[in-house]
């Protein structure tokens, strides 16, 4: 049986709206969950301070090395 374009009936509007809203809710949920996980799993502030101090010392040493 061959269908013409006039015979096609799209899905109900509520299905389309709920699908779009569900996609947006899923994306927001993933973003919030991943942000929370990153905060929970990242090293504490003391480690970050030590790391930034090491980077600062290394960059200072590189500047001193370039002067030679």
PDB file of N, CA and C in Angstrom:
ATOM      1  N   UNK A   1       0.842  -1.184   0.000  1.00  0.00           N
ATOM      2  CA  UNK A   1       0.000   0.000   0.000  1.00  0.00           C
ATOM      3  C   UNK A   1       0.883   1.241   0.000  1.00  0.00           C
ATOM      4  N   UNK A   2       0.579   2.167  -0.854  1.00  0.00           N
ATOM      5  CA  UNK A   2       1.373   3.393  -1.008  1.00  0.00           C
ATOM      6  C   UNK A   2       0.672   4.553  -0.303  1.00  0.00           C
ATOM      7  N   UNK A   3       1.465   5.281   0.565  1.00  0.00           N
ATOM      8  CA  UNK A   3       0.880   6.428   1.277  1.00  0.00           C
ATOM      9  C   UNK A   3       1.233   7.717   0.559  1.00  0.00           C
ATOM     10  N   UNK A   4       0.294   8.580   0.405  1.00  0.00           N
ATOM     11  CA  UNK A   4       0.549   9.914  -0.137  1.00  0.00           C
ATOM     12  C   UNK A   4       0.922  10.837   1.016  1.00  0.00           C
ATOM     13  N   UNK A   5       1.480  11.984   0.672  1.00  0.00           N
ATOM     14  CA  UNK A   5       1.844  12.951   1.708  1.00  0.00           C
ATOM     15  C   UNK A   5       0.608  13.433   2.471  1.00  0.00           C
ATOM     16  N   UNK A   6      -0.516  13.464   1.804  1.00  0.00           N
ATOM     17  CA  UNK A   6      -1.739  13.924   2.465  1.00  0.00           C
ATOM     18  C   UNK A   6      -2.220  12.938   3.525  1.00  0.00           C
ATOM     19  N   UNK A   7      -1.807  11.659   3.401  1.00  0.00           N
ATOM     20  CA  UNK A   7      -2.243  10.638   4.347  1.00  0.00           C
ATOM     21  C   UNK A   7      -1.444  10.641   5.646  1.00  0.00           C
ATOM     22  N   UNK A   8      -0.293  11.308   5.638  1.00  0.00           N
ATOM     23  CA  UNK A   8       0.569  11.286   6.822  1.00  0.00           C
ATOM     24  C   UNK A   8      -0.033  12.130   7.944  1.00  0.00           C
ATOM     25  N   UNK A   9      -0.071  11.547   9.120  1.00  0.00           N
ATOM     26  CA  UNK A   9      -0.520  12.277  10.305  1.00  0.00           C
ATOM     27  C   UNK A   9       0.643  12.271  11.295  1.00  0.00           C
ATOM     28  N   UNK A  10       1.102  13.438  11.679  1.00  0.00           N
ATOM     29  CA  UNK A  10       2.224  13.546  12.610  1.00  0.00           C
ATOM     30  C   UNK A  10       1.819  13.161  14.019  1.00  0.00           C
ATOM     31  N   UNK A  11       2.809  13.053  14.886  1.00  0.00           N
ATOM     32  CA  UNK A  11       2.496  12.716  16.273  1.00  0.00           C
ATOM     33  C   UNK A  11       1.733  13.860  16.944  1.00  0.00           C
ATOM     34  N   UNK A  12       1.025  13.552  18.011  1.00  0.00           N
ATOM     35  CA  UNK A  12       0.324  14.626  18.733  1.00  0.00           C
ATOM     36  C   UNK A  12       1.304  15.693  19.234  1.00  0.00           C
ATOM     37  N   UNK A  13       0.849  16.904  19.269  1.00  0.00           N
ATOM     38  CA  UNK A  13       1.695  18.034  19.669  1.00  0.00           C
ATOM     39  C   UNK A  13       2.269  17.841  21.070  1.00  0.00           C
ATOM     40  N   UNK A  14       1.511  17.273  21.968  1.00  0.00           N
ATOM     41  CA  UNK A  14       1.986  17.093  23.343  1.00  0.00           C
ATOM     42  C   UNK A  14       3.198  16.172  23.379  1.00  0.00           C
ATOM     43  N   UNK A  15       3.251  15.178  22.483  1.00  0.00           N
ATOM     44  CA  UNK A  15       4.414  14.284  22.438  1.00  0.00           C
ATOM     45  C   UNK A  15       5.657  15.061  22.020  1.00  0.00           C
ATOM     46  N   UNK A  16       5.491  15.947  21.045  1.00  0.00           N
ATOM     47  CA  UNK A  16       6.619  16.747  20.561  1.00  0.00           C
ATOM     48  C   UNK A  16       7.112  17.674  21.670  1.00  0.00           C
ATOM     49  N   UNK A  17       6.183  18.346  22.333  1.00  0.00           N
ATOM     50  CA  UNK A  17       6.542  19.285  23.402  1.00  0.00           C
ATOM     51  C   UNK A  17       7.229  18.544  24.550  1.00  0.00           C
ATOM     52  N   UNK A  18       6.666  17.418  24.959  1.00  0.00           N
ATOM     53  CA  UNK A  18       7.261  16.665  26.067  1.00  0.00           C
ATOM     54  C   UNK A  18       8.642  16.107  25.701  1.00  0.00           C
ATOM     55  N   UNK A  19       8.839  15.732  24.443  1.00  0.00           N
ATOM     56  CA  UNK A  19      10.146  15.240  24.005  1.00  0.00           C
ATOM     57  C   UNK A  19      11.195  16.346  24.085  1.00  0.00           C
ATOM     58  N   UNK A  20      10.836  17.534  23.627  1.00  0.00           N
ATOM     59  CA  UNK A  20      11.778  18.669  23.678  1.00  0.00           C
ATOM     60  C   UNK A  20      12.072  19.036  25.129  1.00  0.00           C
ATOM     61  N   UNK A  21      11.048  19.141  25.961  1.00  0.00           N
ATOM     62  CA  UNK A  21      11.260  19.477  27.369  1.00  0.00           C
ATOM     63  C   UNK A  21      12.077  18.395  28.077  1.00  0.00           C
ATOM     64  N   UNK A  22      11.838  17.139  27.738  1.00  0.00           N
ATOM     65  CA  UNK A  22      12.606  16.046  28.327  1.00  0.00           C
ATOM     66  C   UNK A  22      14.074  16.114  27.935  1.00  0.00           C
ATOM     67  N   UNK A  23      14.349  16.472  26.703  1.00  0.00           N
ATOM     68  CA  UNK A  23      15.738  16.622  26.259  1.00  0.00           C
ATOM     69  C   UNK A  23      16.446  17.751  26.988  1.00  0.00           C
ATOM     70  N   UNK A  24      15.754  18.860  27.155  1.00  0.00           N
ATOM     71  CA  UNK A  24      16.343  19.994  27.886  1.00  0.00           C
ATOM     72  C   UNK A  24      16.585  19.617  29.344  1.00  0.00           C
ATOM     73  N   UNK A  25      15.619  18.944  29.969  1.00  0.00           N
ATOM     74  CA  UNK A  25      15.771  18.528  31.371  1.00  0.00           C
ATOM     75  C   UNK A  25      16.931  17.546  31.520  1.00  0.00           C
ATOM     76  N   UNK A  26      17.083  16.638  30.567  1.00  0.00           N
ATOM     77  CA  UNK A  26      18.185  15.671  30.621  1.00  0.00           C
ATOM     78  C   UNK A  26      19.534  16.384  30.518  1.00  0.00           C
ATOM     79  N   UNK A  27      19.642  17.326  29.591  1.00  0.00           N
ATOM     80  CA  UNK A  27      20.896  18.068  29.417  1.00  0.00           C
ATOM     81  C   UNK A  27      21.242  18.854  30.685  1.00  0.00           C
ATOM     82  N   UNK A  28      20.269  19.538  31.248  1.00  0.00           N
ATOM     83  CA  UNK A  28      20.519  20.304  32.481  1.00  0.00           C
ATOM     84  C   UNK A  28      20.909  19.381  33.635  1.00  0.00           C
ATOM     85  N   UNK A  29      20.237  18.246  33.730  1.00  0.00           N
ATOM     86  CA  UNK A  29      20.568  17.285  34.783  1.00  0.00           C
ATOM     87  C   UNK A  29      21.993  16.768  34.649  1.00  0.00           C
ATOM     88  N   UNK A  30      22.417  16.471  33.428  1.00  0.00           N
ATOM     89  CA  UNK A  30      23.791  16.017  33.210  1.00  0.00           C
ATOM     90  C   UNK A  30      24.799  17.094  33.570  1.00  0.00           C
ATOM     91  N   UNK A  31      24.530  18.320  33.173  1.00  0.00           N
ATOM     92  CA  UNK A  31      25.460  19.415  33.485  1.00  0.00           C
ATOM     93  C   UNK A  31      25.580  19.595  34.986  1.00  0.00           C
ATOM     94  N   UNK A  32      24.463  19.628  35.692  1.00  0.00           N
ATOM     95  CA  UNK A  32      24.487  19.824  37.145  1.00  0.00           C
ATOM     96  C   UNK A  32      25.186  18.659  37.835  1.00  0.00           C
ATOM     97  N   UNK A  33      24.891  17.438  37.398  1.00  0.00           N
ATOM     98  CA  UNK A  33      25.506  16.256  38.006  1.00  0.00           C
ATOM     99  C   UNK A  33      27.012  16.236  37.780  1.00  0.00           C
ATOM    100  N   UNK A  34      27.452  16.556  36.572  1.00  0.00           N
ATOM    101  CA  UNK A  34      28.894  16.546  36.281  1.00  0.00           C
ATOM    102  C   UNK A  34      29.620  17.659  37.037  1.00  0.00           C
ATOM    103  N   UNK A  35      28.995  18.827  37.148  1.00  0.00           N
ATOM    104  CA  UNK A  35      29.611  19.911  37.933  1.00  0.00           C
ATOM    105  C   UNK A  35      29.772  19.481  39.392  1.00  0.00           C
ATOM    106  N   UNK A  36      28.753  18.843  39.944  1.00  0.00           N
ATOM    107  CA  UNK A  36      28.818  18.365  41.330  1.00  0.00           C
ATOM    108  C   UNK A  36      29.919  17.317  41.482  1.00  0.00           C
ATOM    109  N   UNK A  37      29.989  16.386  40.530  1.00  0.00           N
ATOM    110  CA  UNK A  37      31.012  15.330  40.592  1.00  0.00           C
ATOM    111  C   UNK A  37      32.415  15.914  40.496  1.00  0.00           C
ATOM    112  N   UNK A  38      32.596  16.905  39.639  1.00  0.00           N
ATOM    113  CA  UNK A  38      33.912  17.539  39.504  1.00  0.00           C
ATOM    114  C   UNK A  38      34.312  18.199  40.820  1.00  0.00           C
ATOM    115  N   UNK A  39      33.362  18.913  41.448  1.00  0.00           N
ATOM    116  CA  UNK A  39      33.677  19.565  42.728  1.00  0.00           C
ATOM    117  C   UNK A  39      34.007  18.551  43.814  1.00  0.00           C
ATOM    118  N   UNK A  40      33.277  17.426  43.836  1.00  0.00           N
ATOM    119  CA  UNK A  40      33.506  16.408  44.870  1.00  0.00           C
ATOM    120  C   UNK A  40      34.819  15.663  44.655  1.00  0.00           C
ATOM    121  N   UNK A  41      35.209  15.444  43.415  1.00  0.00           N
ATOM    122  CA  UNK A  41      36.381  14.622  43.119  1.00  0.00           C
ATOM    123  C   UNK A  41      37.662  15.431  42.932  1.00  0.00           C
ATOM    124  N   UNK A  42      37.557  16.753  42.831  1.00  0.00           N
ATOM    125  CA  UNK A  42      38.758  17.555  42.634  1.00  0.00           C
ATOM    126  C   UNK A  42      39.543  17.642  43.944  1.00  0.00           C
ATOM    127  N   UNK A  43      40.871  17.841  43.832  1.00  0.00           N
ATOM    128  CA  UNK A  43      41.684  17.953  45.055  1.00  0.00           C
ATOM    129  C   UNK A  43      41.267  19.166  45.883  1.00  0.00           C
ATOM    130  N   UNK A  44      41.572  19.109  47.163  1.00  0.00           N
ATOM    131  CA  UNK A  44      41.194  20.197  48.064  1.00  0.00           C
ATOM    132  C   UNK A  44      41.994  21.461  47.754  1.00  0.00           C
ATOM    133  N   UNK A  45      41.617  22.570  48.382  1.00  0.00           N
ATOM    134  CA  UNK A  45      42.219  23.872  48.105  1.00  0.00           C
ATOM    135  C   UNK A  45      43.720  23.876  48.383  1.00  0.00           C
ATOM    136  N   UNK A  46      44.158  23.178  49.417  1.00  0.00           N
ATOM    137  CA  UNK A  46      45.587  23.147  49.739  1.00  0.00           C
ATOM    138  C   UNK A  46      46.407  22.583  48.599  1.00  0.00           C
ATOM    139  N   UNK A  47      45.922  21.545  47.967  1.00  0.00           N
ATOM    140  CA  UNK A  47      46.630  20.952  46.839  1.00  0.00           C
ATOM    141  C   UNK A  47      46.671  21.913  45.668  1.00  0.00           C
ATOM    142  N   UNK A  48      45.581  22.618  45.447  1.00  0.00           N
ATOM    143  CA  UNK A  48      45.548  23.582  44.343  1.00  0.00           C
ATOM    144  C   UNK A  48      46.535  24.715  44.613  1.00  0.00           C
ATOM    145  N   UNK A  49      46.643  25.140  45.872  1.00  0.00           N
ATOM    146  CA  UNK A  49      47.596  26.189  46.221  1.00  0.00           C
ATOM    147  C   UNK A  49      49.018  25.704  45.988  1.00  0.00           C
ATOM    148  N   UNK A  50      49.312  24.487  46.395  1.00  0.00           N
ATOM    149  CA  UNK A  50      50.649  23.932  46.168  1.00  0.00           C
ATOM    150  C   UNK A  50      50.952  23.859  44.682  1.00  0.00           C
ATOM    151  N   UNK A  51      49.974  23.432  43.887  1.00  0.00           N
ATOM    152  CA  UNK A  51      50.176  23.310  42.456  1.00  0.00           C
ATOM    153  C   UNK A  51      50.441  24.674  41.836  1.00  0.00           C
ATOM    154  N   UNK A  52      49.688  25.699  42.222  1.00  0.00           N
ATOM    155  CA  UNK A  52      49.894  27.027  41.659  1.00  0.00           C
ATOM    156  C   UNK A  52      51.245  27.583  42.098  1.00  0.00           C
ATOM    157  N   UNK A  53      51.697  27.243  43.318  1.00  0.00           N
ATOM    158  CA  UNK A  53      53.004  27.679  43.789  1.00  0.00           C
ATOM    159  C   UNK A  53      54.106  27.019  42.967  1.00  0.00           C
ATOM    160  N   UNK A  54      53.950  25.730  42.669  1.00  0.00           N
ATOM    161  CA  UNK A  54      54.941  25.021  41.861  1.00  0.00           C
ATOM    162  C   UNK A  54      55.003  25.634  40.463  1.00  0.00           C
ATOM    163  N   UNK A  55      53.859  25.917  39.872  1.00  0.00           N
ATOM    164  CA  UNK A  55      53.835  26.524  38.540  1.00  0.00           C
ATOM    165  C   UNK A  55      54.498  27.891  38.581  1.00  0.00           C
ATOM    166  N   UNK A  56      54.246  28.659  39.639  1.00  0.00           N
ATOM    167  CA  UNK A  56      54.849  29.980  39.775  1.00  0.00           C
ATOM    168  C   UNK A  56      56.361  29.879  39.877  1.00  0.00           C
ATOM    169  N   UNK A  57      56.859  28.946  40.684  1.00  0.00           N
ATOM    170  CA  UNK A  57      58.296  28.768  40.841  1.00  0.00           C
ATOM    171  C   UNK A  57      58.912  28.319  39.521  1.00  0.00           C
ATOM    172  N   UNK A  58      58.261  27.397  38.826  1.00  0.00           N
ATOM    173  CA  UNK A  58      58.790  26.923  37.552  1.00  0.00           C
ATOM    174  C   UNK A  58      58.853  28.036  36.522  1.00  0.00           C
ATOM    175  N   UNK A  59      57.811  28.861  36.445  1.00  0.00           N
ATOM    176  CA  UNK A  59      57.827  29.947  35.467  1.00  0.00           C
ATOM    177  C   UNK A  59      58.908  30.963  35.828  1.00  0.00           C
ATOM    178  N   UNK A  60      59.137  31.189  37.142  1.00  0.00           N
ATOM    179  CA  UNK A  60      60.202  32.090  37.564  1.00  0.00           C
ATOM    180  C   UNK A  60      61.568  31.528  37.166  1.00  0.00           C
ATOM    181  N   UNK A  61      61.755  30.225  37.349  1.00  0.00           N
ATOM    182  CA  UNK A  61      63.008  29.593  36.958  1.00  0.00           C
ATOM    183  C   UNK A  61      63.215  29.657  35.450  1.00  0.00           C
ATOM    184  N   UNK A  62      62.158  29.529  34.679  1.00  0.00           N
ATOM    185  CA  UNK A  62      62.273  29.630  33.225  1.00  0.00           C
ATOM    186  C   UNK A  62      62.700  31.032  32.826  1.00  0.00           C
ATOM    187  N   UNK A  63      62.169  32.041  33.493  1.00  0.00           N
ATOM    188  CA  UNK A  63      62.575  33.417  33.183  1.00  0.00           C
ATOM    189  C   UNK A  63      64.045  33.628  33.523  1.00  0.00           C
ATOM    190  N   UNK A  64      64.501  33.050  34.638  1.00  0.00           N
ATOM    191  CA  UNK A  64      65.902  33.177  35.003  1.00  0.00           C
ATOM    192  C   UNK A  64      66.786  32.460  33.997  1.00  0.00           C
ATOM    193  N   UNK A  65      66.330  31.316  33.508  1.00  0.00           N
ATOM    194  CA  UNK A  65      67.102  30.546  32.542  1.00  0.00           C
ATOM    195  C   UNK A  65      67.206  31.289  31.221  1.00  0.00           C
ATOM    196  N   UNK A  66      66.160  32.014  30.825  1.00  0.00           N
ATOM    197  CA  UNK A  66      66.177  32.746  29.572  1.00  0.00           C
ATOM    198  C   UNK A  66      67.184  33.902  29.628  1.00  0.00           C
ATOM    199  N   UNK A  67      67.423  34.441  30.811  1.00  0.00           N
ATOM    200  CA  UNK A  67      68.378  35.562  30.944  1.00  0.00           C
ATOM    201  C   UNK A  67      69.799  35.144  30.623  1.00  0.00           C
ATOM    202  N   UNK A  68      70.148  33.867  30.823  1.00  0.00           N
ATOM    203  CA  UNK A  68      71.520  33.428  30.574  1.00  0.00           C
ATOM    204  C   UNK A  68      71.833  33.456  29.145  1.00  0.00           C
TER     205      UNK A  68
END
